[in-house]
Amino acid sequence: MDLSSLQRQLPQILSKKREKVSRFFTVESLDLRFSNNTEATYERIYGGNGAVMAVPFDGRDFYLISEYACGFERYELGLVKGKIDDGEDPKVACNRELQEEIGFGARNIMTLKSVMTLAPGMMSLKMHSFLCTELYPMQLTGDEPEPINIIKVSPKEIKDLIFDINSPLTEARAIAALTLSLNKLGLL
């Protein structure tokens, strides 16, 4: 596999401007000059320390969640996830998010993918994904506006959710993390 094109000369950043700041996101515009002297303005959602996604597995079932998704104005099937606080290790953030969102901690947290991106052409979000096993009850107070429902799903049901074209599991990061988990567990 020839990946040399990933080592191309980066565009020169002529200027960066902060366009808008919200509680969660900063939008920046970047004026760029490419190696062929073409100039273009790109925009990106920028900032933060990254986020974590947890795939809880109790040895028999995966723990998915049902949580309101503002982007689509509906409840979505997904996984525990959340931001990494300043100075926080991603594995520590993962365990904290598990405890806040579903009331479980994990004694064993295995990296599935050190970094996944989502829409890297316009977002600088880095998502760290982990398979979490040896679960134990432990509740921390989180920032969710309502309790999150846990949906226990067998490995066979996970495969159905991943590969059924009409599945209610639509979030790409969750599909990727669950597929990586099945592979790590030798269940794919």
Protein backbone atom coordinates (compact mmCIF):
# COMPACT_ATOMS: atom_id res chain seq x y z
CA MET A 1 0.00 0.00 0.00
CA ASP A 2 1.44 3.34 -1.04
CA LEU A 3 0.51 6.03 1.49
CA SER A 4 3.06 8.59 0.31
CA SER A 5 0.30 11.01 -0.70
CA LEU A 6 -0.37 11.55 3.02
CA GLN A 7 3.09 13.14 3.26
CA ARG A 8 2.38 15.90 0.69
CA GLN A 9 3.36 19.46 1.48
CA LEU A 10 0.73 21.00 3.73
CA PRO A 11 -1.02 24.19 2.63
CA GLN A 12 0.39 27.42 4.06
CA ILE A 13 -1.98 28.96 6.62
CA LEU A 14 -2.28 32.63 5.69
CA SER A 15 -4.66 33.51 8.52
CA LYS A 16 -6.93 31.99 11.17
CA LYS A 17 -10.04 33.76 12.42
CA ARG A 18 -12.38 32.74 15.21
CA GLU A 19 -15.83 33.15 13.71
CA LYS A 20 -18.15 31.96 16.49
CA VAL A 21 -17.88 30.47 19.94
CA SER A 22 -20.63 28.52 21.70
CA ARG A 23 -20.60 26.60 24.96
CA PHE A 24 -19.17 23.58 23.11
CA PHE A 25 -17.73 24.65 19.76
CA THR A 26 -15.46 27.21 18.18
CA VAL A 27 -15.79 27.80 14.45
CA GLU A 28 -12.59 28.96 12.77
CA SER A 29 -11.95 30.07 9.23
CA LEU A 30 -8.54 29.41 7.72
CA ASP A 31 -7.22 31.18 4.65
CA LEU A 32 -4.91 28.69 2.94
CA ARG A 33 -2.44 28.66 0.06
CA PHE A 34 -1.83 25.25 -1.51
CA SER A 35 1.44 24.13 -3.13
CA ASN A 36 0.06 25.01 -6.59
CA ASN A 37 -0.56 28.60 -5.31
CA THR A 38 -4.34 28.18 -5.24
CA GLU A 39 -5.87 30.02 -2.30
CA ALA A 40 -9.02 28.91 -0.51
CA THR A 41 -10.88 29.56 2.73
CA TYR A 42 -11.83 26.54 4.84
CA GLU A 43 -13.99 26.48 7.97
CA ARG A 44 -13.74 24.01 10.80
CA ILE A 45 -15.26 23.27 14.17
CA TYR A 46 -12.24 23.45 16.41
CA GLY A 47 -11.22 22.96 20.00
CA GLY A 48 -11.44 20.70 22.97
CA ASN A 49 -9.36 17.89 24.39
CA GLY A 50 -11.05 15.15 22.41
CA ALA A 51 -13.68 12.69 23.49
CA VAL A 52 -14.09 9.05 24.47
CA MET A 53 -16.46 6.30 23.40
CA ALA A 54 -16.94 3.25 25.63
CA VAL A 55 -18.13 -0.19 24.54
CA PRO A 56 -19.24 -1.85 27.79
CA PHE A 57 -19.34 -5.67 27.64
CA ASP A 58 -20.20 -7.86 30.65
CA GLY A 59 -18.98 -11.12 29.08
CA ARG A 60 -22.42 -11.90 27.71
CA ASP A 61 -24.01 -8.64 26.55
CA PHE A 62 -22.96 -5.25 25.22
CA TYR A 63 -24.52 -2.22 26.94
CA LEU A 64 -25.92 0.21 24.40
CA ILE A 65 -27.81 3.33 25.36
CA SER A 66 -30.83 5.25 24.14
CA GLU A 67 -30.16 8.98 24.33
CA TYR A 68 -31.76 12.08 22.84
CA ALA A 69 -29.86 13.26 19.73
CA CYS A 70 -30.52 16.96 19.15
CA GLY A 71 -29.05 16.84 15.62
CA PHE A 72 -31.88 14.59 14.44
CA GLU A 73 -34.51 15.47 17.08
CA ARG A 74 -35.04 11.85 18.12
CA TYR A 75 -33.73 9.19 20.47
CA GLU A 76 -30.74 7.32 19.07
CA LEU A 77 -29.20 3.96 19.84
CA GLY A 78 -25.54 4.40 20.69
CA LEU A 79 -22.71 4.04 23.18
CA VAL A 80 -21.47 5.88 26.24
CA LYS A 81 -19.42 8.88 25.16
CA GLY A 82 -18.22 12.20 26.44
CA LYS A 83 -15.52 14.83 26.42
CA ILE A 84 -12.08 14.56 27.98
CA ASP A 85 -11.55 17.17 30.68
CA ASP A 86 -8.42 19.35 30.82
CA GLY A 87 -5.42 17.21 31.83
CA GLU A 88 -7.50 14.01 31.98
CA ASP A 89 -6.19 10.72 30.57
CA PRO A 90 -8.56 9.23 27.95
CA LYS A 91 -8.93 5.92 29.86
CA VAL A 92 -9.78 7.82 33.05
CA ALA A 93 -12.33 9.88 31.09
CA CYS A 94 -13.80 6.67 29.68
CA ASN A 95 -14.30 5.15 33.13
CA ARG A 96 -15.76 8.42 34.45
CA GLU A 97 -18.24 8.62 31.57
CA LEU A 98 -19.32 5.01 32.16
CA GLN A 99 -20.01 5.80 35.82
CA GLU A 100 -21.85 9.03 35.03
CA GLU A 101 -23.99 7.73 32.17
CA ILE A 102 -24.83 4.11 33.01
CA GLY A 103 -23.75 3.59 36.63
CA PHE A 104 -20.94 1.11 35.95
CA GLY A 105 -17.17 1.27 36.10
CA ALA A 106 -14.76 -1.05 34.28
CA ARG A 107 -11.70 -2.76 35.71
CA ASN A 108 -10.39 -3.55 32.22
CA ILE A 109 -10.33 -0.78 29.59
CA MET A 110 -8.73 -1.79 26.27
CA THR A 111 -7.99 0.65 23.47
CA LEU A 112 -9.87 -0.20 20.28
CA LYS A 113 -8.55 2.70 18.21
CA SER A 114 -6.31 5.39 19.67
CA VAL A 115 -7.97 8.07 17.52
CA MET A 116 -11.01 8.09 15.24
CA THR A 117 -12.13 11.20 13.43
CA LEU A 118 -15.51 12.34 12.22
CA ALA A 119 -15.75 14.60 9.18
CA PRO A 120 -12.03 15.55 9.39
CA GLY A 121 -12.45 17.99 6.50
CA MET A 122 -14.42 20.29 8.79
CA MET A 123 -14.02 19.08 12.39
CA SER A 124 -10.97 18.61 14.59
CA LEU A 125 -12.75 16.16 16.93
CA LYS A 126 -10.60 13.22 18.08
CA MET A 127 -12.51 10.25 19.50
CA HIS A 128 -10.71 7.59 21.56
CA SER A 129 -12.61 4.28 21.63
CA PHE A 130 -12.34 1.59 24.29
CA LEU A 131 -13.70 -1.90 25.01
CA CYS A 132 -14.67 -1.97 28.69
CA THR A 133 -14.95 -5.29 30.52
CA GLU A 134 -15.08 -6.52 34.12
CA LEU A 135 -17.93 -4.12 34.84
CA TYR A 136 -18.95 -3.25 38.40
CA PRO A 137 -21.72 -1.00 39.77
CA MET A 138 -20.50 2.55 40.42
CA GLN A 139 -22.57 5.71 39.94
CA LEU A 140 -21.22 9.25 39.58
CA THR A 141 -23.35 12.34 39.00
CA GLY A 142 -23.20 13.39 35.36
CA ASP A 143 -24.52 16.27 33.29
CA GLU A 144 -27.31 14.42 31.48
CA PRO A 145 -30.72 16.14 31.65
CA GLU A 146 -32.55 12.80 32.04
CA PRO A 147 -31.57 9.23 32.93
CA ILE A 148 -30.02 7.28 30.07
CA ASN A 149 -31.62 3.93 29.29
CA ILE A 150 -29.37 0.88 28.99
CA ILE A 151 -30.19 -1.68 26.31
CA LYS A 152 -28.40 -5.01 26.76
CA VAL A 153 -27.58 -6.59 23.39
CA SER A 154 -26.00 -9.98 22.64
CA PRO A 155 -23.08 -10.32 20.20
CA LYS A 156 -25.44 -11.86 17.62
CA GLU A 157 -27.84 -8.93 18.01
CA ILE A 158 -24.89 -6.51 17.68
CA LYS A 159 -23.98 -8.14 14.35
CA ASP A 160 -27.60 -7.73 13.24
CA LEU A 161 -27.55 -4.05 14.25
CA ILE A 162 -24.26 -3.46 12.41
CA PHE A 163 -25.05 -5.29 9.18
CA ASP A 164 -28.84 -4.81 8.75
CA ILE A 165 -29.28 -1.97 6.24
CA ASN A 166 -32.42 -0.77 8.06
CA SER A 167 -30.98 -1.02 11.57
CA PRO A 168 -31.81 1.67 14.14
CA LEU A 169 -28.05 1.84 14.89
CA THR A 170 -26.94 4.64 12.56
CA GLU A 171 -24.03 6.42 14.28
CA ALA A 172 -20.87 5.59 12.33
CA ARG A 173 -18.55 5.86 15.34
CA ALA A 174 -20.68 3.39 17.32
CA ILE A 175 -20.81 0.99 14.36
CA ALA A 176 -17.02 1.19 14.02
CA ALA A 177 -16.36 0.74 17.76
CA LEU A 178 -18.74 -2.22 18.01
CA THR A 179 -17.15 -3.87 14.96
CA LEU A 180 -13.67 -3.37 16.45
CA SER A 181 -14.97 -4.82 19.75
CA LEU A 182 -16.37 -7.93 18.07
CA ASN A 183 -13.02 -8.38 16.34
CA LYS A 184 -11.02 -7.89 19.58
CA LEU A 185 -13.26 -10.44 21.34
CA GLY A 186 -12.90 -12.96 18.48
CA LEU A 187 -16.65 -12.81 17.81
CA LEU A 188 -16.64 -11.37 14.28
